[in-house]
Amino acid sequence: MEIPVDIYSQIVWRSDMIDGGSAERGRHRMNRRKLLAAGAVAATRGSAAKRTPAWKCVYTLDSRRQAIEGSARSLADAIRRGADLRIATSFRHNEHIEPGSKNSELILETAEFRATYLVDDRWVAGIMTLRQPVSLPDAFGPRPSMSFFLYNQDGKQAIARPYLDGVAAKGAPGPSPLDDHSKMPKYHQEDSWDAATNAPSSNFIYDFDRFRYFVRDNWTQVLSHGPSGAVVSGSIDSLGRAFDEGCDVKVAVRGLCSDLGDGPGHEVMIQTGSCYYYTEQKLFIAGTHPLARVRAAVPMRYASRNWDFGWLIVRSDGRVVRRLVDPRTLAFRDTEAKYAIRWFVR
């Protein structure tokens, strides 16, 4: 039974007012409990119906990577506004996980792309920045590493894998032979780089049954400034107030990967962790989550020596301190540069 909340509350109140024998009161108490349960269901369903989904699918590709719903422009517009990105795909166990097995079960996958790229103000790519290799259904991959999977808006994919186990590299960087994927007809490897080092990478296409690009578009830009810190729009006060009220902070750093090679203009979006506001100097400082840097291109691709990873300290005066890791040696180095930055809060 389902009763509108305003009606069920009146009935419960009236049932409490009924007087009579103990048996009669017992029946009324039982009816009251049923009414309360029914009303709780109604209230829950009502709030769920009014709730706006946090994630929205704005672009869908079929297995041939043809657009079938939404648009690339809608995706780019959302990422430009600072939206978070998740990409959902689907595949068969015996085509992707265990080729040749009798298990043809359909597997749905949704992955988080914590670092997002907007290239040439129109092209979207995302990188998984926190993933260890996974061997489904119950294990990690054979060697500890980061799995910096990169997905472009057209479904083209790539993987860079810095190994973290300290095993000595056996070869030098450069082009490498393609792997044998003859048992995986849906896997199309385009190239291979640095295979004998501790940071192999490659670009490929896997014909997933579908690609669905989801965004969580609930960030608000409150400050934009140039490399010198000169304000373009918004204000440092708006950022400081939102931060002081507990808001999350995210940044879009323009030209962050320019030192990795020539390429089009780009912004790299990444969420921050710890933040600090010097209230007299009006200086905001934030440490970012880890990110992978790749030379900007359309589409985005890995190659030998065109990527690294690390952390940033970003400041509202445009100064950025970069603690970057050489993926082949895992050696850290700190550098500084000035960048234009946009700041978002949620």
Foldseek 3Di string as FASTA:
>chain_A
DADALVVLVVVLVVLVVDDDDPVSNVVSVVVSVVSVVNNVVNVVVVVVVVDDDQKDFQWKAFLVLHTDHHDLQVVLVLVVLVWWKKKKFKAFCCQPQNPPDPGRDIDIDIAGFQKWKQFPSRWIKGWRFPDFAPRPDDGTDPFTWHWTWMATSSQKIKTKTQTDPPDAFDDDWDWDDDDDPVSNVQKAWDTKIPPRFRIIMTIIGGSTRMMTMMIRRDKHWAWWAFLQLHTPDHALVVVVVLVVVPWWKKKWWWPPQPVLDDEGTMTMIHTFDDKDADPVVSKIKTKTDKDKHAPDYVVTGDYTSGIWIFIWIAMSSQKIWTFIADSRPRDTDIDIDGTIMIMIID
